[in-house]
mmCIF file of all heavy atoms, coordinates in Angstrom:
data_MODEL
# 
_entry.id   MODEL 
# 
loop_
_atom_site.group_PDB 
_atom_site.id 
_atom_site.type_symbol 
_atom_site.label_atom_id 
_atom_site.label_alt_id 
_atom_site.label_comp_id 
_atom_site.label_asym_id 
_atom_site.label_entity_id 
_atom_site.label_seq_id 
_atom_site.pdbx_PDB_ins_code 
_atom_site.Cartn_x 
_atom_site.Cartn_y 
_atom_site.Cartn_z 
_atom_site.occupancy 
_atom_site.B_iso_or_equiv 
_atom_site.pdbx_formal_charge 
_atom_site.auth_seq_id 
_atom_site.auth_comp_id 
_atom_site.auth_asym_id 
_atom_site.auth_atom_id 
_atom_site.pdbx_PDB_model_num 
ATOM 1   N N   . ASP A 1 1  ? 0.835  -1.214  -0.018  1.00 0.00 ? 1  ASP A N   1 
ATOM 2   C CA  . ASP A 1 1  ? 0.011  -0.015  -0.020  1.00 0.00 ? 1  ASP A CA  1 
ATOM 3   C C   . ASP A 1 1  ? 0.818  1.265   -0.017  1.00 0.00 ? 1  ASP A C   1 
ATOM 4   O O   . ASP A 1 1  ? 0.471  2.268   -0.610  1.00 0.00 ? 1  ASP A O   1 
ATOM 5   C CB  . ASP A 1 1  ? -0.903 0.006   1.199   1.00 0.00 ? 1  ASP A CB  1 
ATOM 6   C CG  . ASP A 1 1  ? -2.004 -1.049  1.128   1.00 0.00 ? 1  ASP A CG  1 
ATOM 7   O OD1 . ASP A 1 1  ? -2.252 -1.523  0.038   1.00 0.00 ? 1  ASP A OD1 1 
ATOM 8   O OD2 . ASP A 1 1  ? -2.609 -1.367  2.184   1.00 0.00 ? 1  ASP A OD2 1 
ATOM 9   N N   . SER A 1 2  ? 1.974  1.211   0.678   1.00 0.00 ? 2  SER A N   1 
ATOM 10  C CA  . SER A 1 2  ? 2.872  2.358   0.820   1.00 0.00 ? 2  SER A CA  1 
ATOM 11  C C   . SER A 1 2  ? 3.459  2.862   -0.488  1.00 0.00 ? 2  SER A C   1 
ATOM 12  O O   . SER A 1 2  ? 3.904  4.010   -0.603  1.00 0.00 ? 2  SER A O   1 
ATOM 13  C CB  . SER A 1 2  ? 3.952  2.140   1.871   1.00 0.00 ? 2  SER A CB  1 
ATOM 14  O OG  . SER A 1 2  ? 4.758  0.960   1.461   1.00 0.00 ? 2  SER A OG  1 
ATOM 15  N N   . VAL A 1 3  ? 3.516  1.999   -1.522  1.00 0.00 ? 3  VAL A N   1 
ATOM 16  C CA  . VAL A 1 3  ? 4.100  2.375   -2.768  1.00 0.00 ? 3  VAL A CA  1 
ATOM 17  C C   . VAL A 1 3  ? 3.180  2.291   -3.951  1.00 0.00 ? 3  VAL A C   1 
ATOM 18  O O   . VAL A 1 3  ? 3.472  2.682   -5.079  1.00 0.00 ? 3  VAL A O   1 
ATOM 19  C CB  . VAL A 1 3  ? 5.365  1.531   -3.114  1.00 0.00 ? 3  VAL A CB  1 
ATOM 20  C CG1 . VAL A 1 3  ? 6.340  1.524   -1.932  1.00 0.00 ? 3  VAL A CG1 1 
ATOM 21  C CG2 . VAL A 1 3  ? 4.971  0.058   -3.461  1.00 0.00 ? 3  VAL A CG2 1 
ATOM 22  N N   . GLU A 1 4  ? 1.977  1.829   -3.723  1.00 0.00 ? 4  GLU A N   1 
ATOM 23  C CA  . GLU A 1 4  ? 0.953  1.685   -4.821  1.00 0.00 ? 4  GLU A CA  1 
ATOM 24  C C   . GLU A 1 4  ? 0.729  3.024   -5.517  1.00 0.00 ? 4  GLU A C   1 
ATOM 25  O O   . GLU A 1 4  ? 0.622  4.062   -4.892  1.00 0.00 ? 4  GLU A O   1 
ATOM 26  C CB  . GLU A 1 4  ? -0.349 1.213   -4.202  1.00 0.00 ? 4  GLU A CB  1 
ATOM 27  C CG  . GLU A 1 4  ? -1.464 1.049   -5.205  1.00 0.00 ? 4  GLU A CG  1 
ATOM 28  C CD  . GLU A 1 4  ? -1.364 -0.316  -6.000  1.00 0.00 ? 4  GLU A CD  1 
ATOM 29  O OE1 . GLU A 1 4  ? -1.293 -1.327  -5.329  1.00 0.00 ? 4  GLU A OE1 1 
ATOM 30  O OE2 . GLU A 1 4  ? -1.457 -0.173  -7.235  1.00 0.00 ? 4  GLU A OE2 1 
ATOM 31  N N   . GLY A 1 5  ? 0.810  2.976   -6.851  1.00 0.00 ? 5  GLY A N   1 
ATOM 32  C CA  . GLY A 1 5  ? 0.657  4.156   -7.632  1.00 0.00 ? 5  GLY A CA  1 
ATOM 33  C C   . GLY A 1 5  ? 1.893  4.952   -7.816  1.00 0.00 ? 5  GLY A C   1 
ATOM 34  O O   . GLY A 1 5  ? 1.951  5.910   -8.653  1.00 0.00 ? 5  GLY A O   1 
ATOM 35  N N   . ARG A 1 6  ? 2.985  4.644   -7.148  1.00 0.00 ? 6  ARG A N   1 
ATOM 36  C CA  . ARG A 1 6  ? 4.224  5.408   -7.304  1.00 0.00 ? 6  ARG A CA  1 
ATOM 37  C C   . ARG A 1 6  ? 5.348  4.514   -7.880  1.00 0.00 ? 6  ARG A C   1 
ATOM 38  O O   . ARG A 1 6  ? 6.287  4.986   -8.553  1.00 0.00 ? 6  ARG A O   1 
ATOM 39  C CB  . ARG A 1 6  ? 4.728  5.957   -5.966  1.00 0.00 ? 6  ARG A CB  1 
ATOM 40  C CG  . ARG A 1 6  ? 3.739  6.876   -5.316  1.00 0.00 ? 6  ARG A CG  1 
ATOM 41  C CD  . ARG A 1 6  ? 4.279  7.599   -4.096  1.00 0.00 ? 6  ARG A CD  1 
ATOM 42  N NE  . ARG A 1 6  ? 4.638  6.602   -3.001  1.00 0.00 ? 6  ARG A NE  1 
ATOM 43  C CZ  . ARG A 1 6  ? 5.851  6.441   -2.503  1.00 0.00 ? 6  ARG A CZ  1 
ATOM 44  N NH1 . ARG A 1 6  ? 6.883  7.183   -2.979  1.00 0.00 ? 6  ARG A NH1 1 
ATOM 45  N NH2 . ARG A 1 6  ? 6.091  5.558   -1.567  1.00 0.00 ? 6  ARG A NH2 1 
ATOM 46  N N   . PHE A 1 7  ? 5.319  3.232   -7.563  1.00 0.00 ? 7  PHE A N   1 
ATOM 47  C CA  . PHE A 1 7  ? 6.316  2.277   -8.025  1.00 0.00 ? 7  PHE A CA  1 
ATOM 48  C C   . PHE A 1 7  ? 5.761  1.339   -9.080  1.00 0.00 ? 7  PHE A C   1 
ATOM 49  O O   . PHE A 1 7  ? 4.543  0.997   -9.014  1.00 0.00 ? 7  PHE A O   1 
ATOM 50  C CB  . PHE A 1 7  ? 6.851  1.405   -6.826  1.00 0.00 ? 7  PHE A CB  1 
ATOM 51  C CG  . PHE A 1 7  ? 7.683  2.137   -5.854  1.00 0.00 ? 7  PHE A CG  1 
ATOM 52  C CD1 . PHE A 1 7  ? 7.775  3.531   -5.805  1.00 0.00 ? 7  PHE A CD1 1 
ATOM 53  C CD2 . PHE A 1 7  ? 8.377  1.387   -4.874  1.00 0.00 ? 7  PHE A CD2 1 
ATOM 54  C CE1 . PHE A 1 7  ? 8.531  4.157   -4.852  1.00 0.00 ? 7  PHE A CE1 1 
ATOM 55  C CE2 . PHE A 1 7  ? 9.159  2.039   -3.921  1.00 0.00 ? 7  PHE A CE2 1 
ATOM 56  C CZ  . PHE A 1 7  ? 9.256  3.427   -3.924  1.00 0.00 ? 7  PHE A CZ  1 
ATOM 57  N N   . THR A 1 8  ? 6.570  0.937   -10.035 1.00 0.00 ? 8  THR A N   1 
ATOM 58  C CA  . THR A 1 8  ? 6.158  -0.013  -11.033 1.00 0.00 ? 8  THR A CA  1 
ATOM 59  C C   . THR A 1 8  ? 7.244  -1.081  -11.204 1.00 0.00 ? 8  THR A C   1 
ATOM 60  O O   . THR A 1 8  ? 8.400  -0.747  -11.471 1.00 0.00 ? 8  THR A O   1 
ATOM 61  C CB  . THR A 1 8  ? 5.971  0.727   -12.383 1.00 0.00 ? 8  THR A CB  1 
ATOM 62  O OG1 . THR A 1 8  ? 4.987  1.705   -12.312 1.00 0.00 ? 8  THR A OG1 1 
ATOM 63  C CG2 . THR A 1 8  ? 5.525  -0.321  -13.455 1.00 0.00 ? 8  THR A CG2 1 
ATOM 64  N N   . ILE A 1 9  ? 6.836  -2.322  -11.001 1.00 0.00 ? 9  ILE A N   1 
ATOM 65  C CA  . ILE A 1 9  ? 7.764  -3.409  -11.196 1.00 0.00 ? 9  ILE A CA  1 
ATOM 66  C C   . ILE A 1 9  ? 7.559  -4.025  -12.573 1.00 0.00 ? 9  ILE A C   1 
ATOM 67  O O   . ILE A 1 9  ? 6.424  -4.099  -13.038 1.00 0.00 ? 9  ILE A O   1 
ATOM 68  C CB  . ILE A 1 9  ? 7.592  -4.526  -10.123 1.00 0.00 ? 9  ILE A CB  1 
ATOM 69  C CG1 . ILE A 1 9  ? 8.625  -5.576  -10.174 1.00 0.00 ? 9  ILE A CG1 1 
ATOM 70  C CG2 . ILE A 1 9  ? 6.187  -5.122  -10.142 1.00 0.00 ? 9  ILE A CG2 1 
ATOM 71  C CD1 . ILE A 1 9  ? 8.646  -6.565  -8.998  1.00 0.00 ? 9  ILE A CD1 1 
ATOM 72  N N   . SER A 1 10 ? 8.676  -4.426  -13.235 1.00 0.00 ? 10 SER A N   1 
ATOM 73  C CA  . SER A 1 10 ? 8.590  -5.071  -14.528 1.00 0.00 ? 10 SER A CA  1 
ATOM 74  C C   . SER A 1 10 ? 9.728  -6.056  -14.609 1.00 0.00 ? 10 SER A C   1 
ATOM 75  O O   . SER A 1 10 ? 10.639 -6.061  -13.785 1.00 0.00 ? 10 SER A O   1 
ATOM 76  C CB  . SER A 1 10 ? 8.683  -4.005  -15.627 1.00 0.00 ? 10 SER A CB  1 
ATOM 77  O OG  . SER A 1 10 ? 9.947  -3.271  -15.588 1.00 0.00 ? 10 SER A OG  1 
ATOM 78  N N   . ARG A 1 11 ? 9.680  -6.859  -15.653 1.00 0.00 ? 11 ARG A N   1 
ATOM 79  C CA  . ARG A 1 11 ? 10.703 -7.891  -15.824 1.00 0.00 ? 11 ARG A CA  1 
ATOM 80  C C   . ARG A 1 11 ? 10.933 -8.144  -17.322 1.00 0.00 ? 11 ARG A C   1 
ATOM 81  O O   . ARG A 1 11 ? 10.039 -8.005  -18.133 1.00 0.00 ? 11 ARG A O   1 
ATOM 82  C CB  . ARG A 1 11 ? 10.276 -9.183  -15.099 1.00 0.00 ? 11 ARG A CB  1 
ATOM 83  C CG  . ARG A 1 11 ? 9.025  -9.841  -15.630 1.00 0.00 ? 11 ARG A CG  1 
ATOM 84  C CD  . ARG A 1 11 ? 8.513  -10.961 -14.687 1.00 0.00 ? 11 ARG A CD  1 
ATOM 85  N NE  . ARG A 1 11 ? 9.437  -12.122 -14.767 1.00 0.00 ? 11 ARG A NE  1 
ATOM 86  C CZ  . ARG A 1 11 ? 9.374  -13.111 -13.815 1.00 0.00 ? 11 ARG A CZ  1 
ATOM 87  N NH1 . ARG A 1 11 ? 8.508  -13.067 -12.883 1.00 0.00 ? 11 ARG A NH1 1 
ATOM 88  N NH2 . ARG A 1 11 ? 10.170 -14.112 -13.956 1.00 0.00 ? 11 ARG A NH2 1 
ATOM 89  N N   . ASP A 1 12 ? 12.123 -8.561  -17.610 1.00 0.00 ? 12 ASP A N   1 
ATOM 90  C CA  . ASP A 1 12 ? 12.549 -8.959  -18.941 1.00 0.00 ? 12 ASP A CA  1 
ATOM 91  C C   . ASP A 1 12 ? 12.979 -10.415 -18.786 1.00 0.00 ? 12 ASP A C   1 
ATOM 92  O O   . ASP A 1 12 ? 14.106 -10.709 -18.335 1.00 0.00 ? 12 ASP A O   1 
ATOM 93  C CB  . ASP A 1 12 ? 13.641 -8.088  -19.456 1.00 0.00 ? 12 ASP A CB  1 
ATOM 94  C CG  . ASP A 1 12 ? 14.043 -8.406  -20.889 1.00 0.00 ? 12 ASP A CG  1 
ATOM 95  O OD1 . ASP A 1 12 ? 13.888 -9.569  -21.327 1.00 0.00 ? 12 ASP A OD1 1 
ATOM 96  O OD2 . ASP A 1 12 ? 14.536 -7.531  -21.595 1.00 0.00 ? 12 ASP A OD2 1 
ATOM 97  N N   . ASN A 1 13 ? 12.105 -11.317 -19.104 1.00 0.00 ? 13 ASN A N   1 
ATOM 98  C CA  . ASN A 1 13 ? 12.403 -12.761 -18.922 1.00 0.00 ? 13 ASN A CA  1 
ATOM 99  C C   . ASN A 1 13 ? 13.595 -13.224 -19.778 1.00 0.00 ? 13 ASN A C   1 
ATOM 100 O O   . ASN A 1 13 ? 14.393 -14.055 -19.373 1.00 0.00 ? 13 ASN A O   1 
ATOM 101 C CB  . ASN A 1 13 ? 11.202 -13.592 -19.240 1.00 0.00 ? 13 ASN A CB  1 
ATOM 102 C CG  . ASN A 1 13 ? 10.099 -13.382 -18.191 1.00 0.00 ? 13 ASN A CG  1 
ATOM 103 O OD1 . ASN A 1 13 ? 10.375 -13.133 -17.008 1.00 0.00 ? 13 ASN A OD1 1 
ATOM 104 N ND2 . ASN A 1 13 ? 8.856  -13.582 -18.603 1.00 0.00 ? 13 ASN A ND2 1 
ATOM 105 N N   . ALA A 1 14 ? 13.738 -12.603 -20.949 1.00 0.00 ? 14 ALA A N   1 
ATOM 106 C CA  . ALA A 1 14 ? 14.850 -12.984 -21.826 1.00 0.00 ? 14 ALA A CA  1 
ATOM 107 C C   . ALA A 1 14 ? 16.169 -12.636 -21.168 1.00 0.00 ? 14 ALA A C   1 
ATOM 108 O O   . ALA A 1 14 ? 17.211 -13.372 -21.337 1.00 0.00 ? 14 ALA A O   1 
ATOM 109 C CB  . ALA A 1 14 ? 14.692 -12.324 -23.187 1.00 0.00 ? 14 ALA A CB  1 
ATOM 110 N N   . LYS A 1 15 ? 16.198 -11.530 -20.506 1.00 0.00 ? 15 LYS A N   1 
ATOM 111 C CA  . LYS A 1 15 ? 17.439 -11.069 -19.881 1.00 0.00 ? 15 LYS A CA  1 
ATOM 112 C C   . LYS A 1 15 ? 17.540 -11.514 -18.405 1.00 0.00 ? 15 LYS A C   1 
ATOM 113 O O   . LYS A 1 15 ? 18.527 -11.198 -17.720 1.00 0.00 ? 15 LYS A O   1 
ATOM 114 C CB  . LYS A 1 15 ? 17.535 -9.532  -19.932 1.00 0.00 ? 15 LYS A CB  1 
ATOM 115 C CG  . LYS A 1 15 ? 17.683 -8.944  -21.332 1.00 0.00 ? 15 LYS A CG  1 
ATOM 116 C CD  . LYS A 1 15 ? 17.814 -7.451  -21.308 1.00 0.00 ? 15 LYS A CD  1 
ATOM 117 C CE  . LYS A 1 15 ? 17.952 -6.911  -22.720 1.00 0.00 ? 15 LYS A CE  1 
ATOM 118 N NZ  . LYS A 1 15 ? 18.019 -5.416  -22.693 1.00 0.00 ? 15 LYS A NZ  1 
ATOM 119 N N   . ASN A 1 16 ? 16.511 -12.138 -17.931 1.00 0.00 ? 16 ASN A N   1 
ATOM 120 C CA  . ASN A 1 16 ? 16.420 -12.568 -16.509 1.00 0.00 ? 16 ASN A CA  1 
ATOM 121 C C   . ASN A 1 16 ? 16.689 -11.390 -15.585 1.00 0.00 ? 16 ASN A C   1 
ATOM 122 O O   . ASN A 1 16 ? 17.546 -11.517 -14.643 1.00 0.00 ? 16 ASN A O   1 
ATOM 123 C CB  . ASN A 1 16 ? 17.435 -13.698 -16.292 1.00 0.00 ? 16 ASN A CB  1 
ATOM 124 C CG  . ASN A 1 16 ? 16.936 -14.714 -15.266 1.00 0.00 ? 16 ASN A CG  1 
ATOM 125 O OD1 . ASN A 1 16 ? 15.763 -14.765 -14.922 1.00 0.00 ? 16 ASN A OD1 1 
ATOM 126 N ND2 . ASN A 1 16 ? 17.829 -15.531 -14.757 1.00 0.00 ? 16 ASN A ND2 1 
ATOM 127 N N   . THR A 1 17 ? 16.071 -10.309 -15.858 1.00 0.00 ? 17 THR A N   1 
ATOM 128 C CA  . THR A 1 17 ? 16.254 -9.076  -15.124 1.00 0.00 ? 17 THR A CA  1 
ATOM 129 C C   . THR A 1 17 ? 14.902 -8.487  -14.691 1.00 0.00 ? 17 THR A C   1 
ATOM 130 O O   . THR A 1 17 ? 13.947 -8.613  -15.436 1.00 0.00 ? 17 THR A O   1 
ATOM 131 C CB  . THR A 1 17 ? 17.025 -8.010  -15.977 1.00 0.00 ? 17 THR A CB  1 
ATOM 132 O OG1 . THR A 1 17 ? 18.286 -8.516  -16.365 1.00 0.00 ? 17 THR A OG1 1 
ATOM 133 C CG2 . THR A 1 17 ? 17.231 -6.729  -15.236 1.00 0.00 ? 17 THR A CG2 1 
ATOM 134 N N   . VAL A 1 18 ? 14.921 -7.908  -13.464 1.00 0.00 ? 18 VAL A N   1 
ATOM 135 C CA  . VAL A 1 18 ? 13.741 -7.335  -12.934 1.00 0.00 ? 18 VAL A CA  1 
ATOM 136 C C   . VAL A 1 18 ? 14.055 -5.855  -12.645 1.00 0.00 ? 18 VAL A C   1 
ATOM 137 O O   . VAL A 1 18 ? 15.150 -5.551  -12.191 1.00 0.00 ? 18 VAL A O   1 
ATOM 138 C CB  . VAL A 1 18 ? 13.316 -8.077  -11.632 1.00 0.00 ? 18 VAL A CB  1 
ATOM 139 C CG1 . VAL A 1 18 ? 12.009 -7.456  -11.053 1.00 0.00 ? 18 VAL A CG1 1 
ATOM 140 C CG2 . VAL A 1 18 ? 13.143 -9.581  -11.898 1.00 0.00 ? 18 VAL A CG2 1 
ATOM 141 N N   . TYR A 1 19 ? 13.048 -4.983  -12.860 1.00 0.00 ? 19 TYR A N   1 
ATOM 142 C CA  . TYR A 1 19 ? 13.201 -3.586  -12.649 1.00 0.00 ? 19 TYR A CA  1 
ATOM 143 C C   . TYR A 1 19 ? 12.234 -3.009  -11.657 1.00 0.00 ? 19 TYR A C   1 
ATOM 144 O O   . TYR A 1 19 ? 11.112 -3.609  -11.465 1.00 0.00 ? 19 TYR A O   1 
ATOM 145 C CB  . TYR A 1 19 ? 13.044 -2.870  -14.022 1.00 0.00 ? 19 TYR A CB  1 
ATOM 146 C CG  . TYR A 1 19 ? 13.908 -3.364  -15.136 1.00 0.00 ? 19 TYR A CG  1 
ATOM 147 C CD1 . TYR A 1 19 ? 13.433 -4.287  -16.001 1.00 0.00 ? 19 TYR A CD1 1 
ATOM 148 C CD2 . TYR A 1 19 ? 15.217 -2.867  -15.218 1.00 0.00 ? 19 TYR A CD2 1 
ATOM 149 C CE1 . TYR A 1 19 ? 14.227 -4.817  -17.010 1.00 0.00 ? 19 TYR A CE1 1 
ATOM 150 C CE2 . TYR A 1 19 ? 16.018 -3.392  -16.267 1.00 0.00 ? 19 TYR A CE2 1 
ATOM 151 C CZ  . TYR A 1 19 ? 15.550 -4.351  -17.157 1.00 0.00 ? 19 TYR A CZ  1 
ATOM 152 O OH  . TYR A 1 19 ? 16.316 -4.794  -18.115 1.00 0.00 ? 19 TYR A OH  1 
ATOM 153 N N   . LEU A 1 20 ? 12.524 -1.925  -11.080 1.00 0.00 ? 20 LEU A N   1 
ATOM 154 C CA  . LEU A 1 20 ? 11.628 -1.176  -10.214 1.00 0.00 ? 20 LEU A CA  1 
ATOM 155 C C   . LEU A 1 20 ? 11.759 0.271   -10.464 1.00 0.00 ? 20 LEU A C   1 
ATOM 156 O O   . LEU A 1 20 ? 12.767 0.917   -10.206 1.00 0.00 ? 20 LEU A O   1 
ATOM 157 C CB  . LEU A 1 20 ? 11.941 -1.422  -8.717  1.00 0.00 ? 20 LEU A CB  1 
ATOM 158 C CG  . LEU A 1 20 ? 10.906 -0.866  -7.747  1.00 0.00 ? 20 LEU A CG  1 
ATOM 159 C CD1 . LEU A 1 20 ? 9.532  -1.578  -7.888  1.00 0.00 ? 20 LEU A CD1 1 
ATOM 160 C CD2 . LEU A 1 20 ? 11.415 -0.908  -6.292  1.00 0.00 ? 20 LEU A CD2 1 
ATOM 161 N N   . GLN A 1 21 ? 10.706 0.809   -11.180 1.00 0.00 ? 21 GLN A N   1 
ATOM 162 C CA  . GLN A 1 21 ? 10.639 2.230   -11.418 1.00 0.00 ? 21 GLN A CA  1 
ATOM 163 C C   . GLN A 1 21 ? 9.930  2.900   -10.253 1.00 0.00 ? 21 GLN A C   1 
ATOM 164 O O   . GLN A 1 21 ? 8.864  2.551   -9.870  1.00 0.00 ? 21 GLN A O   1 
ATOM 165 C CB  . GLN A 1 21 ? 9.870  2.491   -12.684 1.00 0.00 ? 21 GLN A CB  1 
ATOM 166 C CG  . GLN A 1 21 ? 10.506 1.958   -13.966 1.00 0.00 ? 21 GLN A CG  1 
ATOM 167 C CD  . GLN A 1 21 ? 9.591  2.137   -15.155 1.00 0.00 ? 21 GLN A CD  1 
ATOM 168 O OE1 . GLN A 1 21 ? 8.741  1.312   -15.425 1.00 0.00 ? 21 GLN A OE1 1 
ATOM 169 N NE2 . GLN A 1 21 ? 9.814  3.203   -15.903 1.00 0.00 ? 21 GLN A NE2 1 
ATOM 170 N N   . MET A 1 22 ? 10.658 3.840   -9.680  1.00 0.00 ? 22 MET A N   1 
ATOM 171 C CA  . MET A 1 22 ? 10.160 4.550   -8.480  1.00 0.00 ? 22 MET A CA  1 
ATOM 172 C C   . MET A 1 22 ? 9.980  6.037   -8.811  1.00 0.00 ? 22 MET A C   1 
ATOM 173 O O   . MET A 1 22 ? 10.917 6.684   -9.327  1.00 0.00 ? 22 MET A O   1 
ATOM 174 C CB  . MET A 1 22 ? 11.155 4.390   -7.330  1.00 0.00 ? 22 MET A CB  1 
ATOM 175 C CG  . MET A 1 22 ? 11.474 2.921   -7.008  1.00 0.00 ? 22 MET A CG  1 
ATOM 176 S SD  . MET A 1 22 ? 12.513 2.719   -5.573  1.00 0.00 ? 22 MET A SD  1 
ATOM 177 C CE  . MET A 1 22 ? 13.982 3.526   -6.157  1.00 0.00 ? 22 MET A CE  1 
ATOM 178 N N   . SER A 1 23 ? 8.807  6.572   -8.524  1.00 0.00 ? 23 SER A N   1 
ATOM 179 C CA  . SER A 1 23 ? 8.595  8.014   -8.791  1.00 0.00 ? 23 SER A CA  1 
ATOM 180 C C   . SER A 1 23 ? 7.944  8.594   -7.552  1.00 0.00 ? 23 SER A C   1 
ATOM 181 O O   . SER A 1 23 ? 7.492  7.888   -6.642  1.00 0.00 ? 23 SER A O   1 
ATOM 182 C CB  . SER A 1 23 ? 7.701  8.211   -10.022 1.00 0.00 ? 23 SER A CB  1 
ATOM 183 O OG  . SER A 1 23 ? 6.463  7.583   -9.867  1.00 0.00 ? 23 SER A OG  1 
ATOM 184 N N   . SER A 1 24 ? 7.809  9.948   -7.542  1.00 0.00 ? 24 SER A N   1 
ATOM 185 C CA  . SER A 1 24 ? 7.239  10.639  -6.379  1.00 0.00 ? 24 SER A CA  1 
ATOM 186 C C   . SER A 1 24 ? 7.866  10.140  -5.082  1.00 0.00 ? 24 SER A C   1 
ATOM 187 O O   . SER A 1 24 ? 7.119  9.853   -4.117  1.00 0.00 ? 24 SER A O   1 
ATOM 188 C CB  . SER A 1 24 ? 5.694  10.486  -6.383  1.00 0.00 ? 24 SER A CB  1 
ATOM 189 O OG  . SER A 1 24 ? 5.157  10.937  -7.603  1.00 0.00 ? 24 SER A OG  1 
# 
């Protein structure tokens, strides 16, 4: 709840990499 709407998690399965975009 503390990050909902501000953080976005994504992944690239081909690269076996996970990302976290953080804003505000």
